[in-house]
Amino acid sequence: MKRIPVFATILVALAVAAMIALGVWQLQRRHEKEALIVRLAQNRDLPAVAFPRLKTDDTLLFRRATAFCLQPVSWSNEGGHDAKGGPGWRQIAQCRTGAEGPGFAVQIGIGHSPTAKPDWKGGVVRGYLAYAPDHQPIIAAAFGGAPKTLMLVADPPLAGLGANPPADLSSVPNNHLAYAVQWFVFAAIAAIIYAVALRRRRTP
């Protein structure tokens, strides 16, 4: 009968412990996200604020805000839908606010062409705060990922463009319970596989 490999056992035990810890962390994140969603539902009825310089402040999501775009320096188009649910392209401008200002992004309206570039020179923008597109992988989101930045969703939109959809709480998913279950399942599978391997190793 062969002895239990100490080094391999320690590695597997550490891996299982790490996966369990990640599952517990996701459960904690779940409760934090539930509290955040309650806060965001209240934000929609609060008075407007100036666009925040700290553009990763999630507690301001869906709050009405205003900003002044000195000049749009670039444009991007993202697939989406308008206020009526119809398909379209989100027209997003990166705005300059001054010589040393941090700038901000504004979704100025919904267009019907992926190559469109609105004829807009900037000015005062009013709307609500939402997450800017970041395209980070799902696995990165599961680990917390990079901080999301905020952008201004114009209301009303630029003339000639479709209206942006209203603030939607479903855009802030609370998937942390599913992530926690996945980590616990991974830990259980790893432990079972290693136990089976040890059993076969010890059997003549």
N, C-alpha and C. Protein backbone atom coordinates (compact mmCIF):
# COMPACT_ATOMS: atom_id res chain seq x y z
N MET A 1 0.84 -1.19 0.00
CA MET A 1 0.00 0.00 0.00
C MET A 1 0.89 1.25 0.00
N LYS A 2 0.65 2.16 -0.97
CA LYS A 2 1.49 3.35 -1.12
C LYS A 2 1.08 4.43 -0.12
N ARG A 3 2.06 5.23 0.26
CA ARG A 3 1.81 6.34 1.18
C ARG A 3 1.10 7.48 0.45
N ILE A 4 0.33 8.26 1.22
CA ILE A 4 -0.35 9.42 0.66
C ILE A 4 0.69 10.48 0.29
N PRO A 5 0.67 11.01 -0.97
CA PRO A 5 1.64 12.04 -1.36
C PRO A 5 1.36 13.35 -0.62
N VAL A 6 2.30 13.75 0.19
CA VAL A 6 2.09 14.92 1.06
C VAL A 6 1.98 16.21 0.25
N PHE A 7 2.92 16.42 -0.67
CA PHE A 7 2.95 17.68 -1.42
C PHE A 7 1.68 17.84 -2.26
N ALA A 8 1.29 16.79 -2.98
CA ALA A 8 0.07 16.87 -3.81
C ALA A 8 -1.16 17.09 -2.95
N THR A 9 -1.21 16.46 -1.80
CA THR A 9 -2.36 16.62 -0.91
C THR A 9 -2.48 18.05 -0.41
N ILE A 10 -1.33 18.65 -0.07
CA ILE A 10 -1.34 20.03 0.39
C ILE A 10 -1.83 20.97 -0.72
N LEU A 11 -1.35 20.73 -1.95
CA LEU A 11 -1.78 21.57 -3.07
C LEU A 11 -3.28 21.47 -3.30
N VAL A 12 -3.82 20.25 -3.29
CA VAL A 12 -5.25 20.08 -3.50
C VAL A 12 -6.05 20.71 -2.36
N ALA A 13 -5.57 20.53 -1.13
CA ALA A 13 -6.27 21.12 0.01
C ALA A 13 -6.30 22.65 -0.08
N LEU A 14 -5.18 23.24 -0.50
CA LEU A 14 -5.14 24.70 -0.66
C LEU A 14 -6.09 25.16 -1.76
N ALA A 15 -6.11 24.41 -2.87
CA ALA A 15 -7.00 24.77 -3.98
C ALA A 15 -8.46 24.68 -3.56
N VAL A 16 -8.82 23.62 -2.85
CA VAL A 16 -10.21 23.45 -2.39
C VAL A 16 -10.57 24.57 -1.41
N ALA A 17 -9.65 24.89 -0.49
CA ALA A 17 -9.90 25.97 0.47
C ALA A 17 -10.08 27.31 -0.23
N ALA A 18 -9.27 27.54 -1.27
CA ALA A 18 -9.38 28.80 -2.02
C ALA A 18 -10.73 28.90 -2.73
N MET A 19 -11.19 27.80 -3.32
CA MET A 19 -12.47 27.82 -4.01
C MET A 19 -13.63 28.01 -3.04
N ILE A 20 -13.54 27.41 -1.86
CA ILE A 20 -14.58 27.63 -0.85
C ILE A 20 -14.59 29.09 -0.40
N ALA A 21 -13.40 29.66 -0.22
CA ALA A 21 -13.30 31.06 0.18
C ALA A 21 -13.91 31.98 -0.88
N LEU A 22 -13.68 31.67 -2.14
CA LEU A 22 -14.27 32.46 -3.22
C LEU A 22 -15.79 32.35 -3.21
N GLY A 23 -16.30 31.16 -2.91
CA GLY A 23 -17.75 30.99 -2.82
C GLY A 23 -18.35 31.81 -1.70
N VAL A 24 -17.69 31.82 -0.53
CA VAL A 24 -18.15 32.63 0.60
C VAL A 24 -18.11 34.11 0.25
N TRP A 25 -17.03 34.52 -0.43
CA TRP A 25 -16.91 35.92 -0.85
C TRP A 25 -18.04 36.32 -1.79
N GLN A 26 -18.42 35.43 -2.70
CA GLN A 26 -19.52 35.73 -3.61
C GLN A 26 -20.85 35.86 -2.86
N LEU A 27 -21.03 35.08 -1.81
CA LEU A 27 -22.24 35.21 -1.00
C LEU A 27 -22.28 36.57 -0.31
N GLN A 28 -21.13 37.04 0.16
CA GLN A 28 -21.06 38.37 0.76
C GLN A 28 -21.37 39.44 -0.28
N ARG A 29 -20.82 39.26 -1.47
CA ARG A 29 -21.08 40.20 -2.56
C ARG A 29 -22.56 40.24 -2.93
N ARG A 30 -23.22 39.10 -2.80
CA ARG A 30 -24.65 39.04 -3.11
C ARG A 30 -25.45 39.98 -2.21
N HIS A 31 -25.16 39.94 -0.91
CA HIS A 31 -25.88 40.80 0.02
C HIS A 31 -25.54 42.27 -0.23
N GLU A 32 -24.29 42.55 -0.58
CA GLU A 32 -23.90 43.93 -0.90
C GLU A 32 -24.64 44.43 -2.13
N LYS A 33 -24.78 43.55 -3.15
CA LYS A 33 -25.47 43.94 -4.38
C LYS A 33 -26.96 44.16 -4.12
N GLU A 34 -27.57 43.36 -3.26
CA GLU A 34 -28.99 43.55 -2.94
C GLU A 34 -29.21 44.92 -2.30
N ALA A 35 -28.32 45.30 -1.40
CA ALA A 35 -28.44 46.62 -0.77
C ALA A 35 -28.22 47.73 -1.79
N LEU A 36 -27.29 47.52 -2.72
CA LEU A 36 -27.03 48.53 -3.75
C LEU A 36 -28.25 48.71 -4.65
N ILE A 37 -28.92 47.63 -5.02
CA ILE A 37 -30.08 47.72 -5.91
C ILE A 37 -31.20 48.50 -5.24
N VAL A 38 -31.39 48.31 -3.94
CA VAL A 38 -32.39 49.10 -3.21
C VAL A 38 -32.03 50.58 -3.28
N ARG A 39 -30.75 50.89 -3.11
CA ARG A 39 -30.29 52.28 -3.17
C ARG A 39 -30.52 52.86 -4.57
N LEU A 40 -30.26 52.07 -5.61
CA LEU A 40 -30.41 52.57 -6.98
C LEU A 40 -31.87 52.84 -7.33
N ALA A 41 -32.77 52.03 -6.79
CA ALA A 41 -34.19 52.26 -7.04
C ALA A 41 -34.62 53.61 -6.47
N GLN A 42 -34.01 54.01 -5.37
CA GLN A 42 -34.33 55.30 -4.76
C GLN A 42 -33.68 56.45 -5.53
N ASN A 43 -32.54 56.19 -6.17
CA ASN A 43 -31.82 57.25 -6.88
C ASN A 43 -32.65 57.90 -7.98
N ARG A 44 -33.52 57.12 -8.60
CA ARG A 44 -34.26 57.64 -9.75
C ARG A 44 -35.20 58.78 -9.38
N ASP A 45 -35.53 58.91 -8.08
CA ASP A 45 -36.46 59.96 -7.64
C ASP A 45 -35.75 61.12 -6.95
N LEU A 46 -34.42 61.09 -6.91
CA LEU A 46 -33.67 62.14 -6.23
C LEU A 46 -33.37 63.30 -7.19
N PRO A 47 -33.08 64.49 -6.65
CA PRO A 47 -32.74 65.64 -7.50
C PRO A 47 -31.45 65.39 -8.30
N ALA A 48 -31.30 66.13 -9.39
CA ALA A 48 -30.13 65.98 -10.26
C ALA A 48 -28.87 66.51 -9.57
N VAL A 49 -27.73 65.93 -9.94
CA VAL A 49 -26.43 66.35 -9.42
C VAL A 49 -25.51 66.62 -10.61
N ALA A 50 -24.38 67.25 -10.34
CA ALA A 50 -23.37 67.43 -11.38
C ALA A 50 -22.69 66.08 -11.64
N PHE A 51 -22.27 65.87 -12.88
CA PHE A 51 -21.61 64.61 -13.22
C PHE A 51 -20.41 64.41 -12.28
N PRO A 52 -20.34 63.26 -11.61
CA PRO A 52 -19.30 63.07 -10.59
C PRO A 52 -17.91 62.94 -11.20
N ARG A 53 -16.94 63.57 -10.55
CA ARG A 53 -15.54 63.40 -10.99
C ARG A 53 -15.06 61.99 -10.71
N LEU A 54 -15.55 61.41 -9.60
CA LEU A 54 -15.22 60.02 -9.28
C LEU A 54 -16.19 59.15 -10.06
N LYS A 55 -15.79 58.74 -11.27
CA LYS A 55 -16.73 58.11 -12.19
C LYS A 55 -16.96 56.63 -11.91
N THR A 56 -16.46 56.12 -10.79
CA THR A 56 -16.71 54.73 -10.44
C THR A 56 -17.60 54.62 -9.21
N ASP A 57 -18.26 55.70 -8.82
CA ASP A 57 -19.11 55.70 -7.64
C ASP A 57 -20.45 55.04 -7.98
N ASP A 58 -20.56 53.73 -7.69
CA ASP A 58 -21.76 52.98 -8.04
C ASP A 58 -23.01 53.48 -7.31
N THR A 59 -22.84 54.13 -6.18
CA THR A 59 -24.00 54.56 -5.41
C THR A 59 -24.76 55.69 -6.13
N LEU A 60 -24.17 56.28 -7.16
CA LEU A 60 -24.85 57.34 -7.92
C LEU A 60 -25.52 56.82 -9.19
N LEU A 61 -25.43 55.52 -9.43
CA LEU A 61 -26.02 54.95 -10.64
C LEU A 61 -27.52 55.26 -10.69
N PHE A 62 -28.00 55.67 -11.87
CA PHE A 62 -29.40 56.00 -12.15
C PHE A 62 -29.82 57.35 -11.58
N ARG A 63 -28.90 58.06 -10.93
CA ARG A 63 -29.21 59.41 -10.43
C ARG A 63 -29.22 60.37 -11.62
N ARG A 64 -30.17 61.27 -11.65
CA ARG A 64 -30.20 62.27 -12.71
C ARG A 64 -29.02 63.23 -12.51
N ALA A 65 -28.42 63.63 -13.64
CA ALA A 65 -27.21 64.45 -13.57
C ALA A 65 -27.12 65.37 -14.78
N THR A 66 -26.25 66.37 -14.66
CA THR A 66 -25.99 67.30 -15.76
C THR A 66 -24.49 67.42 -15.95
N ALA A 67 -24.09 67.79 -17.15
CA ALA A 67 -22.67 67.99 -17.46
C ALA A 67 -22.57 68.92 -18.65
N PHE A 68 -21.38 69.49 -18.82
CA PHE A 68 -21.13 70.34 -19.98
C PHE A 68 -20.03 69.71 -20.81
N CYS A 69 -20.36 69.38 -22.03
CA CYS A 69 -19.40 68.80 -22.97
C CYS A 69 -18.78 69.94 -23.77
N LEU A 70 -17.51 70.21 -23.48
CA LEU A 70 -16.84 71.29 -24.20
C LEU A 70 -16.66 70.93 -25.67
N GLN A 71 -16.35 69.66 -25.91
CA GLN A 71 -16.16 69.19 -27.28
C GLN A 71 -16.11 67.66 -27.30
N PRO A 72 -16.89 67.01 -28.17
CA PRO A 72 -16.75 65.56 -28.32
C PRO A 72 -15.47 65.24 -29.09
N VAL A 73 -14.59 64.43 -28.51
CA VAL A 73 -13.31 64.14 -29.15
C VAL A 73 -13.32 62.80 -29.89
N SER A 74 -14.27 61.92 -29.58
CA SER A 74 -14.37 60.65 -30.30
C SER A 74 -15.76 60.09 -30.12
N TRP A 75 -16.11 59.16 -31.05
CA TRP A 75 -17.43 58.53 -31.03
C TRP A 75 -17.29 57.02 -31.08
N SER A 76 -18.25 56.33 -30.48
CA SER A 76 -18.32 54.88 -30.60
C SER A 76 -19.79 54.47 -30.69
N ASN A 77 -20.05 53.36 -31.36
CA ASN A 77 -21.40 52.84 -31.52
C ASN A 77 -21.51 51.49 -30.85
N GLU A 78 -22.52 51.30 -30.03
CA GLU A 78 -22.75 50.04 -29.34
C GLU A 78 -24.17 49.57 -29.65
N GLY A 79 -24.33 48.28 -29.90
CA GLY A 79 -25.66 47.75 -30.13
C GLY A 79 -26.54 47.92 -28.91
N GLY A 80 -27.82 48.19 -29.12
CA GLY A 80 -28.73 48.39 -28.01
C GLY A 80 -30.16 48.54 -28.50
N HIS A 81 -30.97 49.20 -27.72
CA HIS A 81 -32.36 49.42 -28.10
C HIS A 81 -32.80 50.79 -27.61
N ASP A 82 -33.86 51.29 -28.24
CA ASP A 82 -34.36 52.62 -27.87
C ASP A 82 -35.40 52.51 -26.76
N ALA A 83 -36.03 53.64 -26.44
CA ALA A 83 -36.98 53.68 -25.33
C ALA A 83 -38.20 52.81 -25.59
N LYS A 84 -38.51 52.52 -26.86
CA LYS A 84 -39.66 51.69 -27.20
C LYS A 84 -39.29 50.22 -27.35
N GLY A 85 -38.01 49.89 -27.14
CA GLY A 85 -37.57 48.51 -27.26
C GLY A 85 -37.09 48.13 -28.64
N GLY A 86 -37.11 49.06 -29.58
CA GLY A 86 -36.64 48.78 -30.93
C GLY A 86 -35.13 48.71 -31.00
N PRO A 87 -34.58 47.91 -31.92
CA PRO A 87 -33.12 47.79 -32.04
C PRO A 87 -32.50 49.06 -32.61
N GLY A 88 -31.25 49.29 -32.25
CA GLY A 88 -30.55 50.46 -32.76
C GLY A 88 -29.12 50.47 -32.27
N TRP A 89 -28.47 51.61 -32.47
CA TRP A 89 -27.05 51.76 -32.11
C TRP A 89 -26.90 52.92 -31.15
N ARG A 90 -26.31 52.63 -30.00
CA ARG A 90 -26.10 53.65 -28.98
C ARG A 90 -24.97 54.56 -29.43
N GLN A 91 -25.25 55.84 -29.60
CA GLN A 91 -24.26 56.82 -30.04
C GLN A 91 -23.59 57.41 -28.80
N ILE A 92 -22.33 57.03 -28.58
CA ILE A 92 -21.63 57.41 -27.35
C ILE A 92 -20.45 58.32 -27.70
N ALA A 93 -20.43 59.50 -27.11
CA ALA A 93 -19.35 60.46 -27.34
C ALA A 93 -18.45 60.55 -26.11
N GLN A 94 -17.16 60.63 -26.35
CA GLN A 94 -16.20 60.93 -25.29
C GLN A 94 -15.98 62.43 -25.30
N CYS A 95 -16.36 63.08 -24.22
CA CYS A 95 -16.36 64.54 -24.18
C CYS A 95 -15.17 65.10 -23.42
N ARG A 96 -14.70 66.22 -23.92
CA ARG A 96 -13.66 66.97 -23.22
C ARG A 96 -14.34 68.05 -22.39
N THR A 97 -13.87 68.23 -21.14
CA THR A 97 -14.47 69.22 -20.25
C THR A 97 -13.55 70.39 -19.96
N GLY A 98 -12.34 70.34 -20.45
CA GLY A 98 -11.39 71.41 -20.22
C GLY A 98 -9.99 70.94 -20.54
N ALA A 99 -9.03 71.83 -20.41
CA ALA A 99 -7.65 71.49 -20.76
C ALA A 99 -7.12 70.36 -19.89
N GLU A 100 -7.50 70.33 -18.61
CA GLU A 100 -7.00 69.31 -17.70
C GLU A 100 -8.12 68.47 -17.10
N GLY A 101 -9.33 68.63 -17.61
CA GLY A 101 -10.46 67.89 -17.06
C GLY A 101 -10.40 66.41 -17.40
N PRO A 102 -11.05 65.57 -16.57
CA PRO A 102 -11.01 64.13 -16.82
C PRO A 102 -11.88 63.70 -17.98
N GLY A 103 -12.82 64.56 -18.40
CA GLY A 103 -13.72 64.18 -19.48
C GLY A 103 -14.80 63.22 -18.98
N PHE A 104 -15.73 62.92 -19.87
CA PHE A 104 -16.78 61.97 -19.53
C PHE A 104 -17.40 61.44 -20.81
N ALA A 105 -18.14 60.33 -20.68
CA ALA A 105 -18.83 59.74 -21.82
C ALA A 105 -20.31 60.07 -21.72
N VAL A 106 -20.93 60.30 -22.86
CA VAL A 106 -22.36 60.56 -22.89
C VAL A 106 -23.00 59.76 -24.03
N GLN A 107 -24.05 59.03 -23.70
CA GLN A 107 -24.85 58.34 -24.72
C GLN A 107 -25.90 59.33 -25.18
N ILE A 108 -25.67 59.91 -26.35
CA ILE A 108 -26.44 61.06 -26.79
C ILE A 108 -27.77 60.68 -27.42
N GLY A 109 -27.93 59.39 -27.79
CA GLY A 109 -29.19 58.94 -28.39
C GLY A 109 -28.99 57.62 -29.11
N ILE A 110 -30.06 57.14 -29.76
CA ILE A 110 -30.06 55.87 -30.48
C ILE A 110 -30.16 56.12 -31.98
N GLY A 111 -29.17 55.64 -32.73
CA GLY A 111 -29.18 55.77 -34.18
C GLY A 111 -29.57 54.46 -34.85
N HIS A 112 -29.65 54.51 -36.18
CA HIS A 112 -30.06 53.34 -36.94
C HIS A 112 -28.95 52.80 -37.85
N SER A 113 -27.73 53.33 -37.69
CA SER A 113 -26.60 52.88 -38.50
C SER A 113 -25.37 52.71 -37.61
N PRO A 114 -24.64 51.59 -37.79
CA PRO A 114 -23.44 51.38 -36.96
C PRO A 114 -22.29 52.30 -37.33
N THR A 115 -22.39 52.99 -38.44
CA THR A 115 -21.30 53.88 -38.89
C THR A 115 -21.66 55.36 -38.75
N ALA A 116 -22.82 55.63 -38.18
CA ALA A 116 -23.26 57.03 -38.07
C ALA A 116 -22.39 57.80 -37.08
N LYS A 117 -22.20 59.07 -37.37
CA LYS A 117 -21.49 59.97 -36.47
C LYS A 117 -22.32 61.25 -36.35
N PRO A 118 -23.02 61.44 -35.22
CA PRO A 118 -23.90 62.60 -35.09
C PRO A 118 -23.17 63.93 -35.26
N ASP A 119 -23.87 64.87 -35.81
CA ASP A 119 -23.32 66.22 -35.97
C ASP A 119 -23.63 67.01 -34.72
N TRP A 120 -22.76 66.87 -33.73
CA TRP A 120 -22.97 67.52 -32.43
C TRP A 120 -21.65 68.11 -31.97
N LYS A 121 -21.68 69.35 -31.59
CA LYS A 121 -20.47 70.06 -31.19
C LYS A 121 -20.30 70.19 -29.68
N GLY A 122 -21.22 69.62 -28.92
CA GLY A 122 -21.13 69.69 -27.47
C GLY A 122 -22.13 70.66 -26.88
N GLY A 123 -22.06 70.85 -25.58
CA GLY A 123 -22.97 71.74 -24.87
C GLY A 123 -23.45 71.08 -23.59
N VAL A 124 -24.49 71.66 -23.00
CA VAL A 124 -25.07 71.13 -21.76
C VAL A 124 -25.82 69.84 -22.07
N VAL A 125 -25.59 68.82 -21.24
CA VAL A 125 -26.27 67.54 -21.39
C VAL A 125 -26.95 67.19 -20.08
N ARG A 126 -28.19 66.74 -20.19
CA ARG A 126 -28.94 66.29 -19.03
C ARG A 126 -29.39 64.85 -19.24
N GLY A 127 -29.49 64.11 -18.15
CA GLY A 127 -29.92 62.72 -18.27
C GLY A 127 -29.73 61.99 -16.96
N TYR A 128 -29.39 60.70 -17.04
CA TYR A 128 -29.14 59.93 -15.83
C TYR A 128 -27.83 59.17 -15.98
N LEU A 129 -27.27 58.76 -14.84
CA LEU A 129 -25.98 58.07 -14.82
C LEU A 129 -26.17 56.58 -15.02
N ALA A 130 -25.35 56.00 -15.87
CA ALA A 130 -25.39 54.56 -16.14
C ALA A 130 -23.97 54.06 -16.33
N TYR A 131 -23.81 52.74 -16.39
CA TYR A 131 -22.49 52.17 -16.64
C TYR A 131 -22.09 52.38 -18.09
N ALA A 132 -20.84 52.78 -18.30
CA ALA A 132 -20.30 52.85 -19.65
C ALA A 132 -19.91 51.45 -20.12
N PRO A 133 -20.00 51.16 -21.41
CA PRO A 133 -19.58 49.83 -21.90
C PRO A 133 -18.12 49.56 -21.56
N ASP A 134 -17.82 48.33 -21.12
CA ASP A 134 -16.42 48.01 -20.77
C ASP A 134 -15.92 46.73 -21.44
N HIS A 135 -16.83 45.85 -21.89
CA HIS A 135 -16.47 44.64 -22.65
C HIS A 135 -15.52 43.72 -21.88
N GLN A 136 -15.55 43.71 -20.56
CA GLN A 136 -14.67 42.80 -19.84
C GLN A 136 -15.23 41.38 -19.89
N PRO A 137 -14.37 40.36 -19.93
CA PRO A 137 -14.83 38.98 -20.02
C PRO A 137 -15.67 38.57 -18.82
N ILE A 138 -16.52 37.55 -19.01
CA ILE A 138 -17.39 37.07 -17.94
C ILE A 138 -16.57 36.59 -16.75
N ILE A 139 -15.45 35.89 -17.03
CA ILE A 139 -14.64 35.35 -15.94
C ILE A 139 -14.07 36.48 -15.09
N ALA A 140 -13.76 37.61 -15.72
CA ALA A 140 -13.26 38.75 -14.97
C ALA A 140 -14.35 39.31 -14.06
N ALA A 141 -15.59 39.34 -14.56
CA ALA A 141 -16.70 39.81 -13.74
C ALA A 141 -16.93 38.91 -12.54
N ALA A 142 -16.70 37.60 -12.73
CA ALA A 142 -16.90 36.65 -11.63
C ALA A 142 -15.94 36.92 -10.48
N PHE A 143 -14.75 37.46 -10.79
CA PHE A 143 -13.76 37.77 -9.76
C PHE A 143 -13.85 39.20 -9.27
N GLY A 144 -14.88 39.91 -9.71
CA GLY A 144 -15.01 41.31 -9.32
C GLY A 144 -14.67 42.24 -10.47
N GLY A 145 -13.66 41.86 -11.28
CA GLY A 145 -13.30 42.60 -12.47
C GLY A 145 -12.79 44.01 -12.20
N ALA A 146 -12.52 44.72 -13.28
CA ALA A 146 -12.07 46.11 -13.16
C ALA A 146 -13.26 46.99 -12.80
N PRO A 147 -13.02 48.08 -12.08
CA PRO A 147 -14.12 48.98 -11.72
C PRO A 147 -14.80 49.54 -12.97
N LYS A 148 -16.12 49.56 -12.93
CA LYS A 148 -16.87 50.12 -14.06
C LYS A 148 -16.93 51.64 -13.92
N THR A 149 -16.94 52.31 -15.04
CA THR A 149 -17.05 53.77 -15.04
C THR A 149 -18.47 54.18 -15.41
N LEU A 150 -18.81 55.40 -15.03
CA LEU A 150 -20.15 55.91 -15.30
C LEU A 150 -20.15 56.79 -16.54
N MET A 151 -21.29 56.83 -17.20
CA MET A 151 -21.49 57.75 -18.30
C MET A 151 -22.87 58.40 -18.14
N LEU A 152 -23.10 59.44 -18.88
CA LEU A 152 -24.38 60.15 -18.83
C LEU A 152 -25.24 59.69 -20.00
N VAL A 153 -26.45 59.27 -19.72
CA VAL A 153 -27.41 58.87 -20.76
C VAL A 153 -28.36 60.03 -20.97
N ALA A 154 -28.28 60.66 -22.13
CA ALA A 154 -28.99 61.91 -22.38
C ALA A 154 -30.51 61.73 -22.40
N ASP A 155 -31.19 62.66 -21.75
CA ASP A 155 -32.65 62.72 -21.75
C ASP A 155 -33.06 64.18 -21.62
N PRO A 156 -33.51 64.80 -22.72
CA PRO A 156 -33.83 64.20 -24.01
C PRO A 156 -32.59 63.93 -24.85
N PRO A 157 -32.75 63.11 -25.92
CA PRO A 157 -31.61 62.81 -26.79
C PRO A 157 -31.34 63.95 -27.76
N LEU A 158 -30.24 63.82 -28.48
CA LEU A 158 -29.92 64.78 -29.53
C LEU A 158 -31.00 64.71 -30.61
N ALA A 159 -31.36 65.87 -31.14
CA ALA A 159 -32.38 65.93 -32.18
C ALA A 159 -31.99 65.03 -33.36
N GLY A 160 -32.94 64.24 -33.84
CA GLY A 160 -32.69 63.34 -34.95
C GLY A 160 -32.36 61.92 -34.53
N LEU A 161 -32.10 61.71 -33.25
CA LEU A 161 -31.80 60.38 -32.73
C LEU A 161 -32.97 59.87 -31.89
N GLY A 162 -33.07 58.54 -31.78
CA GLY A 162 -34.11 57.95 -30.97
C GLY A 162 -33.85 58.15 -29.48
N ALA A 163 -34.92 58.11 -28.70
CA ALA A 163 -34.80 58.31 -27.26
C ALA A 163 -34.08 57.14 -26.60
N ASN A 164 -33.23 57.44 -25.65
CA ASN A 164 -32.56 56.40 -24.88
C ASN A 164 -33.56 55.70 -23.97
N PRO A 165 -33.33 54.41 -23.66
CA PRO A 165 -34.21 53.72 -22.73
C PRO A 165 -34.09 54.31 -21.33
N PRO A 166 -35.13 54.21 -20.51
CA PRO A 166 -35.05 54.74 -19.15
C PRO A 166 -34.13 53.90 -18.27
N ALA A 167 -33.82 54.42 -17.10
CA ALA A 167 -32.98 53.69 -16.15
C ALA A 167 -33.62 52.34 -15.81
N ASP A 168 -32.85 51.27 -15.92
CA ASP A 168 -33.37 49.91 -15.77
C ASP A 168 -32.56 49.15 -14.73
N LEU A 169 -33.20 48.75 -13.65
CA LEU A 169 -32.50 48.03 -12.58
C LEU A 169 -31.98 46.67 -13.04
N SER A 170 -32.58 46.10 -14.09
CA SER A 170 -32.13 44.79 -14.57
C SER A 170 -30.75 44.86 -15.21
N SER A 171 -30.26 46.08 -15.48
CA SER A 171 -28.92 46.22 -16.03
C SER A 171 -27.84 46.06 -14.96
N VAL A 172 -28.27 45.89 -13.72
CA VAL A 172 -27.33 45.64 -12.61
C VAL A 172 -27.62 44.23 -12.09
N PRO A 173 -27.13 43.20 -12.78
CA PRO A 173 -27.46 41.83 -12.40
C PRO A 173 -26.84 41.43 -11.07
N ASN A 174 -27.57 40.60 -10.34
CA ASN A 174 -27.06 40.05 -9.08
C ASN A 174 -26.85 38.55 -9.28
N ASN A 175 -25.70 38.21 -9.91
CA ASN A 175 -25.39 36.82 -10.23
C ASN A 175 -24.50 36.15 -9.18
N HIS A 176 -24.31 36.78 -8.05
CA HIS A 176 -23.31 36.29 -7.10
C HIS A 176 -23.69 34.95 -6.48
N LEU A 177 -24.97 34.66 -6.33
CA LEU A 177 -25.36 33.35 -5.79
C LEU A 177 -24.95 32.25 -6.76
N ALA A 178 -25.17 32.48 -8.05
CA ALA A 178 -24.77 31.48 -9.05
C ALA A 178 -23.26 31.28 -9.05
N TYR A 179 -22.51 32.38 -8.94
CA TYR A 179 -21.05 32.27 -8.88
C TYR A 179 -20.61 31.50 -7.63
N ALA A 180 -21.29 31.76 -6.49
CA ALA A 180 -20.94 31.06 -5.26
C ALA A 180 -21.18 29.56 -5.40
N VAL A 181 -22.32 29.20 -5.97
CA VAL A 181 -22.63 27.77 -6.16
C VAL A 181 -21.58 27.12 -7.06
N GLN A 182 -21.16 27.82 -8.10
CA GLN A 182 -20.14 27.28 -9.00
C GLN A 182 -18.84 26.99 -8.25
N TRP A 183 -18.41 27.94 -7.41
CA TRP A 183 -17.15 27.72 -6.68
C TRP A 183 -17.28 26.55 -5.71
N PHE A 184 -18.43 26.42 -5.04
CA PHE A 184 -18.62 25.30 -4.12
C PHE A 184 -18.64 23.97 -4.88
N VAL A 185 -19.26 23.97 -6.06
CA VAL A 185 -19.29 22.74 -6.88
C VAL A 185 -17.88 22.38 -7.34
N PHE A 186 -17.12 23.39 -7.78
CA PHE A 186 -15.74 23.13 -8.20
C PHE A 186 -14.92 22.53 -7.05
N ALA A 187 -15.12 23.08 -5.84
CA ALA A 187 -14.38 22.57 -4.68
C ALA A 187 -14.76 21.11 -4.40
N ALA A 188 -16.06 20.81 -4.47
CA ALA A 188 -16.51 19.44 -4.21
C ALA A 188 -15.97 18.47 -5.26
N ILE A 189 -16.00 18.88 -6.53
CA ILE A 189 -15.50 18.01 -7.61
C ILE A 189 -14.01 17.74 -7.43
N ALA A 190 -13.24 18.80 -7.11
CA ALA A 190 -11.80 18.63 -6.92
C ALA A 190 -11.51 17.67 -5.78
N ALA A 191 -12.26 17.81 -4.68
CA ALA A 191 -12.04 16.93 -3.53
C ALA A 191 -12.41 15.49 -3.87
N ILE A 192 -13.51 15.29 -4.59
CA ILE A 192 -13.95 13.93 -4.95
C ILE A 192 -12.94 13.27 -5.89
N ILE A 193 -12.51 14.02 -6.89
CA ILE A 193 -11.55 13.46 -7.86
C ILE A 193 -10.26 13.06 -7.16
N TYR A 194 -9.79 13.90 -6.24
CA TYR A 194 -8.54 13.56 -5.54
C TYR A 194 -8.73 12.36 -4.62
N ALA A 195 -9.89 12.29 -3.97
CA ALA A 195 -10.16 11.14 -3.10
C ALA A 195 -10.19 9.85 -3.90
N VAL A 196 -10.80 9.88 -5.08
CA VAL A 196 -10.83 8.69 -5.95
C VAL A 196 -9.42 8.32 -6.40
N ALA A 197 -8.61 9.34 -6.73
CA ALA A 197 -7.23 9.07 -7.16
C ALA A 197 -6.43 8.43 -6.04
N LEU A 198 -6.62 8.92 -4.81
CA LEU A 198 -5.91 8.32 -3.67
C LEU A 198 -6.36 6.88 -3.45
N ARG A 199 -7.64 6.64 -3.59
CA ARG A 199 -8.16 5.27 -3.38
C ARG A 199 -7.54 4.31 -4.39
N ARG A 200 -7.47 4.74 -5.63
CA ARG A 200 -6.90 3.88 -6.66
C ARG A 200 -5.40 3.69 -6.44
N ARG A 201 -4.77 4.73 -5.93
CA ARG A 201 -3.31 4.64 -5.69
C ARG A 201 -3.02 3.63 -4.57
N ARG A 202 -3.89 3.58 -3.55
CA ARG A 202 -3.64 2.72 -2.40
C ARG A 202 -4.12 1.28 -2.64
N THR A 203 -4.92 1.08 -3.68
CA THR A 203 -5.42 -0.27 -3.94
C THR A 203 -4.37 -1.09 -4.69
N PRO A 204 -4.00 -2.27 -4.21
CA PRO A 204 -2.98 -3.09 -4.89
C PRO A 204 -3.47 -3.47 -6.31
